[in-house]
């Protein structure tokens, strides 16, 4: 935020803020992908080993 505050023009501040927002959105998408992969792994584990407690 200090970088945005210290920027000399509104366009520069907007550009910096856009970069940060894009990185945050990318991280959020990556986290969603990781959660989906984990869910599919658990489903596969439950189907393969229905009595295993680890997949609950």
C-alpha atoms as a PDB file:
ATOM      1  CA  UNK A   1       0.000   0.000   0.000  1.00  0.00           C
ATOM      2  CA  UNK A   2       2.887   2.385   0.667  1.00  0.00           C
ATOM      3  CA  UNK A   3       4.030   1.919  -2.927  1.00  0.00           C
ATOM      4  CA  UNK A   4       0.578   2.887  -4.171  1.00  0.00           C
ATOM      5  CA  UNK A   5       0.484   5.914  -1.850  1.00  0.00           C
ATOM      6  CA  UNK A   6       3.952   7.052  -2.960  1.00  0.00           C
ATOM      7  CA  UNK A   7       3.187   6.727  -6.688  1.00  0.00           C
ATOM      8  CA  UNK A   8       3.481   9.956  -8.633  1.00  0.00           C
ATOM      9  CA  UNK A   9       0.458   9.588 -10.900  1.00  0.00           C
ATOM     10  CA  UNK A  10      -2.959   7.983 -10.561  1.00  0.00           C
ATOM     11  CA  UNK A  11      -2.145   5.780 -13.553  1.00  0.00           C
ATOM     12  CA  UNK A  12       0.981   4.461 -11.830  1.00  0.00           C
ATOM     13  CA  UNK A  13      -1.018   3.737  -8.667  1.00  0.00           C
ATOM     14  CA  UNK A  14      -3.683   1.954 -10.702  1.00  0.00           C
ATOM     15  CA  UNK A  15      -1.059  -0.148 -12.481  1.00  0.00           C
ATOM     16  CA  UNK A  16       0.530  -1.223  -9.203  1.00  0.00           C
ATOM     17  CA  UNK A  17      -2.841  -2.032  -7.698  1.00  0.00           C
ATOM     18  CA  UNK A  18      -3.817  -4.031 -10.811  1.00  0.00           C
ATOM     19  CA  UNK A  19      -0.632  -6.125 -10.551  1.00  0.00           C
ATOM     20  CA  UNK A  20      -1.362  -6.921  -6.910  1.00  0.00           C
ATOM     21  CA  UNK A  21      -4.985  -7.774  -7.650  1.00  0.00           C
ATOM     22  CA  UNK A  22      -4.004 -10.027 -10.550  1.00  0.00           C
ATOM     23  CA  UNK A  23      -1.563 -11.921  -8.324  1.00  0.00           C
ATOM     24  CA  UNK A  24      -4.223 -12.284  -5.622  1.00  0.00           C
ATOM     25  CA  UNK A  25      -6.771 -13.575  -8.134  1.00  0.00           C
ATOM     26  CA  UNK A  26      -4.238 -16.036  -9.529  1.00  0.00           C
ATOM     27  CA  UNK A  27      -3.446 -17.322  -6.032  1.00  0.00           C
ATOM     28  CA  UNK A  28      -7.163 -17.711  -5.350  1.00  0.00           C
ATOM     29  CA  UNK A  29      -7.631 -19.703  -8.568  1.00  0.00           C
ATOM     30  CA  UNK A  30      -4.634 -21.880  -7.702  1.00  0.00           C
ATOM     31  CA  UNK A  31      -6.066 -22.575  -4.253  1.00  0.00           C
ATOM     32  CA  UNK A  32      -9.387 -23.581  -5.835  1.00  0.00           C
ATOM     33  CA  UNK A  33      -7.558 -25.962  -8.165  1.00  0.00           C
ATOM     34  CA  UNK A  34      -5.659 -27.497  -5.251  1.00  0.00           C
ATOM     35  CA  UNK A  35      -8.899 -28.027  -3.331  1.00  0.00           C
ATOM     36  CA  UNK A  36     -10.499 -29.686  -6.356  1.00  0.00           C
ATOM     37  CA  UNK A  37      -7.545 -32.030  -6.839  1.00  0.00           C
ATOM     38  CA  UNK A  38      -7.663 -32.976  -3.144  1.00  0.00           C
ATOM     39  CA  UNK A  39     -11.400 -33.666  -3.399  1.00  0.00           C
ATOM     40  CA  UNK A  40     -10.920 -35.911  -6.428  1.00  0.00           C
ATOM     41  CA  UNK A  41      -8.092 -37.705  -4.642  1.00  0.00           C
ATOM     42  CA  UNK A  42     -10.299 -38.342  -1.620  1.00  0.00           C
ATOM     43  CA  UNK A  43     -13.099 -39.614  -3.860  1.00  0.00           C
ATOM     44  CA  UNK A  44     -10.727 -41.954  -5.648  1.00  0.00           C
ATOM     45  CA  UNK A  45      -9.355 -43.131  -2.312  1.00  0.00           C
ATOM     46  CA  UNK A  46     -12.857 -43.826  -0.991  1.00  0.00           C
ATOM     47  CA  UNK A  47     -13.747 -45.775  -4.119  1.00  0.00           C
ATOM     48  CA  UNK A  48     -10.505 -47.757  -4.048  1.00  0.00           C
ATOM     49  CA  UNK A  49     -10.344 -48.346  -0.285  1.00  0.00           C
ATOM     50  CA  UNK A  50     -13.911 -47.921   1.061  1.00  0.00           C
ATOM     51  CA  UNK A  51     -13.028 -49.124   4.568  1.00  0.00           C
ATOM     52  CA  UNK A  52     -10.000 -46.845   5.049  1.00  0.00           C
ATOM     53  CA  UNK A  53     -10.558 -44.138   7.640  1.00  0.00           C
ATOM     54  CA  UNK A  54      -7.978 -41.766   6.146  1.00  0.00           C
ATOM     55  CA  UNK A  55     -10.282 -40.709   3.264  1.00  0.00           C
ATOM     56  CA  UNK A  56     -13.172 -39.553   5.457  1.00  0.00           C
END
